[in-house]
Amino acid sequence: MNRKDFQSLSRMRLDEARVLFTAGHFEGAYYLAGYAVECAPKACIARKTQQYDFPDKELVAKSYTHDLGRLVEAAGLTDALKRDRSNDSGLDSNWEIARGWSEQSRYRLFRREDDRKDATVQGVEYGILGGFEAGVLISAVDSEKGGVLQWIRQHW
């Protein structure tokens, strides 16, 4: 994998998340939207890697994670993110939303056919809630102003 591969994967996973969301497959949409963000700091990490250099063991270990905060740290973007979050309330709230994603979301069910008739949360049916959560994450990731990917792309 190289920098361009991670950039392409980030774009593809976001496109796939949008398609799944539109088709009502909220679990997959949520998972892939987060995965789109995961690939972006990995592109930044790859950018820091010089051809023919032996990789730093610590950086390699930090790079093999799904934790978005740790990836931003490994990419050397922690200070920039902190600064930009303090100057941009949209980025600040969108980062908080995206940071809540984890690879464990692939096992998360927003709705189950058995529960669909009965289960409501504050009067909202599970399927709608799942769509809401996926939509919020996609928006946080993809927003033109204050969007997480928009911010990371400035650094990749």
N, C-alpha and C. Protein backbone atom coordinates (compact mmCIF):
# COMPACT_ATOMS: atom_id res chain seq x y z
N MET A 1 0.85 -1.18 0.00
CA MET A 1 0.00 0.00 0.00
C MET A 1 0.89 1.24 0.00
N ASN A 2 0.48 2.23 -0.76
CA ASN A 2 1.21 3.48 -0.75
C ASN A 2 0.23 4.64 -0.54
N ARG A 3 0.75 5.83 -0.54
CA ARG A 3 -0.05 7.02 -0.26
C ARG A 3 -1.25 7.15 -1.20
N LYS A 4 -1.01 6.96 -2.49
CA LYS A 4 -2.10 7.10 -3.47
C LYS A 4 -3.16 6.01 -3.26
N ASP A 5 -2.73 4.82 -2.88
CA ASP A 5 -3.68 3.75 -2.58
C ASP A 5 -4.60 4.15 -1.43
N PHE A 6 -4.01 4.69 -0.36
CA PHE A 6 -4.83 5.11 0.78
C PHE A 6 -5.76 6.26 0.40
N GLN A 7 -5.29 7.20 -0.41
CA GLN A 7 -6.14 8.29 -0.86
C GLN A 7 -7.31 7.75 -1.67
N SER A 8 -7.03 6.83 -2.58
CA SER A 8 -8.10 6.22 -3.41
C SER A 8 -9.08 5.44 -2.55
N LEU A 9 -8.55 4.67 -1.60
CA LEU A 9 -9.43 3.91 -0.71
C LEU A 9 -10.33 4.83 0.11
N SER A 10 -9.79 5.93 0.57
CA SER A 10 -10.58 6.87 1.34
C SER A 10 -11.76 7.39 0.50
N ARG A 11 -11.47 7.78 -0.71
CA ARG A 11 -12.54 8.28 -1.60
C ARG A 11 -13.55 7.18 -1.93
N MET A 12 -13.05 5.98 -2.25
CA MET A 12 -13.94 4.88 -2.61
C MET A 12 -14.85 4.50 -1.45
N ARG A 13 -14.29 4.39 -0.26
CA ARG A 13 -15.11 3.98 0.89
C ARG A 13 -16.18 5.02 1.20
N LEU A 14 -15.89 6.29 1.01
CA LEU A 14 -16.91 7.31 1.21
C LEU A 14 -17.99 7.21 0.15
N ASP A 15 -17.61 6.99 -1.10
CA ASP A 15 -18.60 6.79 -2.17
C ASP A 15 -19.48 5.59 -1.87
N GLU A 16 -18.87 4.49 -1.42
CA GLU A 16 -19.62 3.29 -1.09
C GLU A 16 -20.56 3.54 0.09
N ALA A 17 -20.10 4.31 1.06
CA ALA A 17 -20.96 4.65 2.21
C ALA A 17 -22.19 5.41 1.74
N ARG A 18 -22.01 6.35 0.84
CA ARG A 18 -23.16 7.11 0.32
C ARG A 18 -24.15 6.19 -0.40
N VAL A 19 -23.64 5.28 -1.22
CA VAL A 19 -24.51 4.36 -1.96
C VAL A 19 -25.29 3.48 -0.99
N LEU A 20 -24.60 2.93 0.00
CA LEU A 20 -25.28 2.08 0.98
C LEU A 20 -26.31 2.87 1.78
N PHE A 21 -25.98 4.09 2.14
CA PHE A 21 -26.92 4.92 2.89
C PHE A 21 -28.18 5.16 2.07
N THR A 22 -28.01 5.51 0.82
CA THR A 22 -29.15 5.78 -0.07
C THR A 22 -30.03 4.54 -0.21
N ALA A 23 -29.40 3.36 -0.21
CA ALA A 23 -30.13 2.11 -0.35
C ALA A 23 -30.72 1.61 0.98
N GLY A 24 -30.49 2.36 2.06
CA GLY A 24 -31.05 1.98 3.36
C GLY A 24 -30.23 0.96 4.11
N HIS A 25 -29.00 0.73 3.70
CA HIS A 25 -28.10 -0.20 4.40
C HIS A 25 -27.22 0.62 5.34
N PHE A 26 -27.82 1.00 6.46
CA PHE A 26 -27.20 1.96 7.35
C PHE A 26 -25.97 1.44 8.08
N GLU A 27 -25.99 0.15 8.45
CA GLU A 27 -24.85 -0.40 9.16
C GLU A 27 -23.59 -0.33 8.28
N GLY A 28 -23.72 -0.78 7.06
CA GLY A 28 -22.59 -0.75 6.14
C GLY A 28 -22.15 0.67 5.82
N ALA A 29 -23.11 1.57 5.68
CA ALA A 29 -22.80 2.97 5.40
C ALA A 29 -22.01 3.58 6.55
N TYR A 30 -22.43 3.30 7.77
CA TYR A 30 -21.74 3.82 8.95
C TYR A 30 -20.32 3.29 9.00
N TYR A 31 -20.17 1.98 8.82
CA TYR A 31 -18.85 1.37 8.89
C TYR A 31 -17.91 1.93 7.83
N LEU A 32 -18.38 2.02 6.59
CA LEU A 32 -17.50 2.47 5.51
C LEU A 32 -17.18 3.96 5.60
N ALA A 33 -18.07 4.76 6.14
CA ALA A 33 -17.76 6.18 6.33
C ALA A 33 -16.60 6.34 7.31
N GLY A 34 -16.60 5.55 8.36
CA GLY A 34 -15.48 5.58 9.31
C GLY A 34 -14.20 5.04 8.70
N TYR A 35 -14.34 4.01 7.89
CA TYR A 35 -13.17 3.44 7.23
C TYR A 35 -12.57 4.45 6.25
N ALA A 36 -13.39 5.27 5.63
CA ALA A 36 -12.88 6.33 4.74
C ALA A 36 -11.98 7.28 5.52
N VAL A 37 -12.38 7.60 6.75
CA VAL A 37 -11.55 8.47 7.59
C VAL A 37 -10.28 7.74 8.01
N GLU A 38 -10.37 6.47 8.35
CA GLU A 38 -9.20 5.71 8.77
C GLU A 38 -8.11 5.71 7.69
N CYS A 39 -8.50 5.60 6.44
CA CYS A 39 -7.52 5.55 5.35
C CYS A 39 -6.81 6.89 5.15
N ALA A 40 -7.47 7.99 5.48
CA ALA A 40 -6.90 9.32 5.21
C ALA A 40 -5.64 9.61 6.02
N PRO A 41 -5.61 9.43 7.34
CA PRO A 41 -4.35 9.68 8.05
C PRO A 41 -3.27 8.67 7.67
N LYS A 42 -3.68 7.49 7.23
CA LYS A 42 -2.69 6.52 6.76
C LYS A 42 -2.00 7.04 5.50
N ALA A 43 -2.72 7.79 4.67
CA ALA A 43 -2.09 8.44 3.51
C ALA A 43 -1.08 9.48 3.98
N CYS A 44 -1.41 10.17 5.06
CA CYS A 44 -0.47 11.16 5.62
C CYS A 44 0.77 10.49 6.17
N ILE A 45 0.58 9.35 6.82
CA ILE A 45 1.72 8.59 7.35
C ILE A 45 2.60 8.12 6.20
N ALA A 46 1.98 7.62 5.14
CA ALA A 46 2.74 7.15 3.98
C ALA A 46 3.53 8.30 3.35
N ARG A 47 2.96 9.49 3.38
CA ARG A 47 3.65 10.66 2.83
C ARG A 47 4.96 10.93 3.57
N LYS A 48 4.97 10.65 4.87
CA LYS A 48 6.16 10.89 5.69
C LYS A 48 7.24 9.84 5.46
N THR A 49 6.88 8.73 4.84
CA THR A 49 7.82 7.64 4.64
C THR A 49 8.65 7.90 3.39
N GLN A 50 9.94 7.91 3.56
CA GLN A 50 10.85 8.16 2.44
C GLN A 50 11.20 6.83 1.75
N GLN A 51 11.22 6.87 0.43
CA GLN A 51 11.58 5.69 -0.33
C GLN A 51 12.98 5.21 0.07
N TYR A 52 13.08 3.91 0.25
CA TYR A 52 14.33 3.22 0.59
C TYR A 52 14.76 3.41 2.05
N ASP A 53 14.05 4.22 2.82
CA ASP A 53 14.37 4.33 4.24
C ASP A 53 13.79 3.13 4.99
N PHE A 54 14.54 2.69 5.97
CA PHE A 54 14.03 1.63 6.82
C PHE A 54 13.01 2.27 7.75
N PRO A 55 11.78 1.72 7.83
CA PRO A 55 10.74 2.39 8.63
C PRO A 55 11.02 2.36 10.12
N ASP A 56 10.63 3.41 10.78
CA ASP A 56 10.73 3.52 12.22
C ASP A 56 9.75 2.54 12.85
N LYS A 57 10.24 1.68 13.72
CA LYS A 57 9.42 0.62 14.32
C LYS A 57 8.23 1.18 15.09
N GLU A 58 8.46 2.26 15.84
CA GLU A 58 7.37 2.86 16.62
C GLU A 58 6.27 3.41 15.72
N LEU A 59 6.68 4.08 14.64
CA LEU A 59 5.69 4.63 13.70
C LEU A 59 4.90 3.51 13.04
N VAL A 60 5.58 2.44 12.68
CA VAL A 60 4.90 1.30 12.07
C VAL A 60 3.87 0.73 13.04
N ALA A 61 4.26 0.52 14.28
CA ALA A 61 3.35 -0.04 15.29
C ALA A 61 2.14 0.87 15.49
N LYS A 62 2.36 2.19 15.53
CA LYS A 62 1.25 3.13 15.72
C LYS A 62 0.33 3.18 14.50
N SER A 63 0.86 2.85 13.34
CA SER A 63 0.09 2.95 12.10
C SER A 63 -0.88 1.79 11.91
N TYR A 64 -0.60 0.67 12.55
CA TYR A 64 -1.46 -0.50 12.41
C TYR A 64 -2.53 -0.49 13.49
N THR A 65 -3.42 0.47 13.37
CA THR A 65 -4.54 0.61 14.30
C THR A 65 -5.74 1.13 13.53
N HIS A 66 -6.89 0.99 14.15
CA HIS A 66 -8.11 1.56 13.59
C HIS A 66 -8.54 2.80 14.38
N ASP A 67 -7.81 3.11 15.43
CA ASP A 67 -8.15 4.24 16.30
C ASP A 67 -7.78 5.55 15.61
N LEU A 68 -8.78 6.36 15.32
CA LEU A 68 -8.56 7.58 14.54
C LEU A 68 -7.64 8.57 15.26
N GLY A 69 -7.78 8.68 16.56
CA GLY A 69 -6.91 9.58 17.32
C GLY A 69 -5.46 9.16 17.27
N ARG A 70 -5.22 7.87 17.40
CA ARG A 70 -3.84 7.36 17.33
C ARG A 70 -3.26 7.52 15.94
N LEU A 71 -4.10 7.37 14.91
CA LEU A 71 -3.61 7.55 13.54
C LEU A 71 -3.23 9.01 13.27
N VAL A 72 -4.04 9.93 13.78
CA VAL A 72 -3.72 11.36 13.63
C VAL A 72 -2.40 11.65 14.34
N GLU A 73 -2.21 11.04 15.50
CA GLU A 73 -0.95 11.22 16.23
C GLU A 73 0.22 10.65 15.42
N ALA A 74 0.07 9.45 14.87
CA ALA A 74 1.14 8.83 14.09
C ALA A 74 1.46 9.66 12.85
N ALA A 75 0.45 10.32 12.30
CA ALA A 75 0.65 11.16 11.11
C ALA A 75 1.30 12.49 11.46
N GLY A 76 1.46 12.77 12.75
CA GLY A 76 2.07 14.04 13.17
C GLY A 76 1.12 15.22 13.07
N LEU A 77 -0.18 14.95 13.17
CA LEU A 77 -1.19 16.00 12.97
C LEU A 77 -1.91 16.43 14.24
N THR A 78 -1.48 15.92 15.38
CA THR A 78 -2.19 16.20 16.63
C THR A 78 -2.25 17.70 16.94
N ASP A 79 -1.14 18.39 16.85
CA ASP A 79 -1.12 19.82 17.15
C ASP A 79 -1.95 20.62 16.14
N ALA A 80 -1.84 20.26 14.88
CA ALA A 80 -2.62 20.95 13.84
C ALA A 80 -4.12 20.74 14.05
N LEU A 81 -4.49 19.51 14.41
CA LEU A 81 -5.91 19.23 14.66
C LEU A 81 -6.41 20.02 15.86
N LYS A 82 -5.64 20.03 16.91
CA LYS A 82 -6.04 20.78 18.11
C LYS A 82 -6.22 22.26 17.79
N ARG A 83 -5.26 22.82 17.08
CA ARG A 83 -5.33 24.24 16.70
C ARG A 83 -6.55 24.51 15.80
N ASP A 84 -6.72 23.69 14.79
CA ASP A 84 -7.80 23.93 13.84
C ASP A 84 -9.18 23.67 14.45
N ARG A 85 -9.27 22.72 15.37
CA ARG A 85 -10.53 22.48 16.07
C ARG A 85 -10.91 23.69 16.92
N SER A 86 -9.92 24.32 17.54
CA SER A 86 -10.21 25.48 18.39
C SER A 86 -10.66 26.68 17.54
N ASN A 87 -10.26 26.72 16.28
CA ASN A 87 -10.64 27.82 15.38
C ASN A 87 -11.86 27.53 14.52
N ASP A 88 -12.32 26.29 14.52
CA ASP A 88 -13.42 25.89 13.63
C ASP A 88 -14.37 24.99 14.40
N SER A 89 -15.50 25.55 14.83
CA SER A 89 -16.44 24.76 15.63
C SER A 89 -17.04 23.61 14.83
N GLY A 90 -17.16 23.78 13.51
CA GLY A 90 -17.67 22.69 12.66
C GLY A 90 -16.72 21.50 12.67
N LEU A 91 -15.44 21.77 12.48
CA LEU A 91 -14.44 20.70 12.53
C LEU A 91 -14.42 20.07 13.91
N ASP A 92 -14.54 20.88 14.94
CA ASP A 92 -14.52 20.37 16.30
C ASP A 92 -15.66 19.37 16.52
N SER A 93 -16.87 19.74 16.17
CA SER A 93 -18.00 18.82 16.39
C SER A 93 -17.94 17.63 15.44
N ASN A 94 -17.49 17.85 14.21
CA ASN A 94 -17.39 16.74 13.26
C ASN A 94 -16.32 15.73 13.67
N TRP A 95 -15.21 16.23 14.23
CA TRP A 95 -14.17 15.33 14.71
C TRP A 95 -14.70 14.48 15.86
N GLU A 96 -15.46 15.09 16.76
CA GLU A 96 -16.03 14.33 17.89
C GLU A 96 -16.94 13.21 17.39
N ILE A 97 -17.72 13.49 16.35
CA ILE A 97 -18.61 12.47 15.78
C ILE A 97 -17.77 11.36 15.16
N ALA A 98 -16.81 11.73 14.33
CA ALA A 98 -15.98 10.73 13.64
C ALA A 98 -15.16 9.91 14.63
N ARG A 99 -14.67 10.55 15.66
CA ARG A 99 -13.85 9.88 16.66
C ARG A 99 -14.62 8.77 17.38
N GLY A 100 -15.93 8.86 17.39
CA GLY A 100 -16.75 7.83 18.02
C GLY A 100 -16.84 6.54 17.22
N TRP A 101 -16.37 6.58 15.98
CA TRP A 101 -16.38 5.38 15.14
C TRP A 101 -15.26 4.44 15.55
N SER A 102 -15.50 3.15 15.41
CA SER A 102 -14.44 2.17 15.62
C SER A 102 -14.68 1.02 14.65
N GLU A 103 -13.65 0.20 14.45
CA GLU A 103 -13.80 -0.95 13.56
C GLU A 103 -14.83 -1.92 14.10
N GLN A 104 -15.14 -1.84 15.38
CA GLN A 104 -16.16 -2.71 15.97
C GLN A 104 -17.56 -2.39 15.44
N SER A 105 -17.71 -1.25 14.79
CA SER A 105 -19.03 -0.89 14.25
C SER A 105 -19.47 -1.85 13.15
N ARG A 106 -18.54 -2.62 12.61
CA ARG A 106 -18.94 -3.58 11.58
C ARG A 106 -19.86 -4.65 12.16
N TYR A 107 -19.85 -4.81 13.47
CA TYR A 107 -20.71 -5.78 14.13
C TYR A 107 -21.98 -5.16 14.70
N ARG A 108 -22.13 -3.88 14.53
CA ARG A 108 -23.24 -3.16 15.13
C ARG A 108 -24.48 -3.28 14.27
N LEU A 109 -25.59 -3.55 14.90
CA LEU A 109 -26.87 -3.60 14.20
C LEU A 109 -27.71 -2.41 14.64
N PHE A 110 -28.08 -1.59 13.70
CA PHE A 110 -28.96 -0.48 14.01
C PHE A 110 -30.40 -0.95 14.08
N ARG A 111 -30.68 -2.00 13.37
CA ARG A 111 -32.05 -2.49 13.32
C ARG A 111 -32.02 -4.00 13.10
N ARG A 112 -32.99 -4.66 13.64
CA ARG A 112 -33.17 -6.08 13.38
C ARG A 112 -34.60 -6.27 12.98
N GLU A 113 -34.85 -7.18 12.08
CA GLU A 113 -36.21 -7.41 11.59
C GLU A 113 -37.16 -7.73 12.74
N ASP A 114 -36.71 -8.49 13.75
CA ASP A 114 -37.56 -8.85 14.88
C ASP A 114 -37.99 -7.62 15.68
N ASP A 115 -37.12 -6.64 15.79
CA ASP A 115 -37.37 -5.48 16.63
C ASP A 115 -38.10 -4.37 15.89
N ARG A 116 -38.14 -4.44 14.60
CA ARG A 116 -38.61 -3.32 13.80
C ARG A 116 -40.03 -2.89 14.16
N LYS A 117 -40.90 -3.83 14.47
CA LYS A 117 -42.29 -3.49 14.78
C LYS A 117 -42.42 -2.81 16.13
N ASP A 118 -41.61 -3.28 17.10
CA ASP A 118 -41.81 -2.87 18.48
C ASP A 118 -40.82 -1.85 19.00
N ALA A 119 -39.59 -1.96 18.57
CA ALA A 119 -38.53 -1.18 19.20
C ALA A 119 -38.54 0.27 18.75
N THR A 120 -38.65 1.12 19.73
CA THR A 120 -38.53 2.55 19.46
C THR A 120 -37.65 3.17 20.53
N VAL A 121 -36.97 4.21 20.17
CA VAL A 121 -36.17 4.97 21.12
C VAL A 121 -36.68 6.39 21.05
N GLN A 122 -37.25 6.85 22.14
CA GLN A 122 -37.84 8.19 22.18
C GLN A 122 -38.78 8.41 21.00
N GLY A 123 -39.57 7.38 20.69
CA GLY A 123 -40.56 7.50 19.63
C GLY A 123 -40.02 7.33 18.22
N VAL A 124 -38.75 7.00 18.07
CA VAL A 124 -38.16 6.85 16.75
C VAL A 124 -37.87 5.38 16.51
N GLU A 125 -38.33 4.85 15.38
CA GLU A 125 -38.11 3.46 15.04
C GLU A 125 -36.62 3.18 14.83
N TYR A 126 -36.16 1.99 15.19
CA TYR A 126 -34.74 1.64 15.08
C TYR A 126 -34.17 1.92 13.70
N GLY A 127 -34.86 1.53 12.64
CA GLY A 127 -34.35 1.74 11.29
C GLY A 127 -34.08 3.21 11.02
N ILE A 128 -34.95 4.07 11.49
CA ILE A 128 -34.76 5.50 11.31
C ILE A 128 -33.57 5.98 12.13
N LEU A 129 -33.45 5.46 13.35
CA LEU A 129 -32.33 5.83 14.20
C LEU A 129 -31.01 5.45 13.54
N GLY A 130 -30.94 4.23 12.99
CA GLY A 130 -29.73 3.79 12.29
C GLY A 130 -29.41 4.70 11.13
N GLY A 131 -30.43 5.08 10.38
CA GLY A 131 -30.22 5.99 9.26
C GLY A 131 -29.74 7.34 9.74
N PHE A 132 -30.26 7.78 10.88
CA PHE A 132 -29.83 9.06 11.44
C PHE A 132 -28.36 9.00 11.82
N GLU A 133 -27.96 7.95 12.54
CA GLU A 133 -26.55 7.83 12.96
C GLU A 133 -25.62 7.76 11.77
N ALA A 134 -25.96 6.96 10.78
CA ALA A 134 -25.12 6.84 9.58
C ALA A 134 -25.07 8.18 8.84
N GLY A 135 -26.19 8.84 8.73
CA GLY A 135 -26.24 10.13 8.05
C GLY A 135 -25.41 11.19 8.75
N VAL A 136 -25.46 11.18 10.07
CA VAL A 136 -24.66 12.15 10.85
C VAL A 136 -23.17 11.90 10.63
N LEU A 137 -22.75 10.64 10.66
CA LEU A 137 -21.33 10.34 10.45
C LEU A 137 -20.91 10.71 9.03
N ILE A 138 -21.68 10.35 8.03
CA ILE A 138 -21.33 10.69 6.65
C ILE A 138 -21.22 12.19 6.49
N SER A 139 -22.14 12.92 7.08
CA SER A 139 -22.10 14.38 7.00
C SER A 139 -20.85 14.94 7.68
N ALA A 140 -20.51 14.41 8.86
CA ALA A 140 -19.33 14.87 9.59
C ALA A 140 -18.06 14.60 8.80
N VAL A 141 -18.03 13.48 8.13
CA VAL A 141 -16.87 13.08 7.35
C VAL A 141 -16.76 13.88 6.06
N ASP A 142 -17.90 14.12 5.42
CA ASP A 142 -17.93 14.62 4.05
C ASP A 142 -18.24 16.11 3.91
N SER A 143 -18.55 16.78 4.98
CA SER A 143 -18.94 18.19 4.90
C SER A 143 -17.84 19.02 4.25
N GLU A 144 -18.23 19.92 3.37
CA GLU A 144 -17.25 20.79 2.71
C GLU A 144 -16.65 21.79 3.69
N LYS A 145 -17.44 22.22 4.66
CA LYS A 145 -16.94 23.16 5.65
C LYS A 145 -16.86 22.45 7.00
N GLY A 146 -15.65 22.27 7.48
CA GLY A 146 -15.46 21.62 8.77
C GLY A 146 -15.50 20.11 8.72
N GLY A 147 -15.53 19.54 7.52
CA GLY A 147 -15.56 18.09 7.39
C GLY A 147 -14.22 17.46 7.72
N VAL A 148 -14.26 16.29 8.31
CA VAL A 148 -13.04 15.62 8.75
C VAL A 148 -12.15 15.28 7.55
N LEU A 149 -12.72 14.72 6.50
CA LEU A 149 -11.89 14.38 5.35
C LEU A 149 -11.36 15.63 4.65
N GLN A 150 -12.16 16.65 4.59
CA GLN A 150 -11.71 17.91 4.00
C GLN A 150 -10.46 18.40 4.72
N TRP A 151 -10.47 18.29 6.04
CA TRP A 151 -9.33 18.73 6.83
C TRP A 151 -8.10 17.85 6.59
N ILE A 152 -8.29 16.53 6.65
CA ILE A 152 -7.15 15.62 6.50
C ILE A 152 -6.55 15.74 5.10
N ARG A 153 -7.38 15.96 4.09
CA ARG A 153 -6.88 16.06 2.73
C ARG A 153 -5.93 17.22 2.55
N GLN A 154 -6.00 18.21 3.39
CA GLN A 154 -5.05 19.33 3.33
C GLN A 154 -3.64 18.88 3.70
N HIS A 155 -3.53 17.73 4.33
CA HIS A 155 -2.25 17.25 4.85
C HIS A 155 -1.72 16.01 4.14
N TRP A 156 -2.50 15.42 3.26
CA TRP A 156 -2.04 14.17 2.67
C TRP A 156 -1.29 14.41 1.39
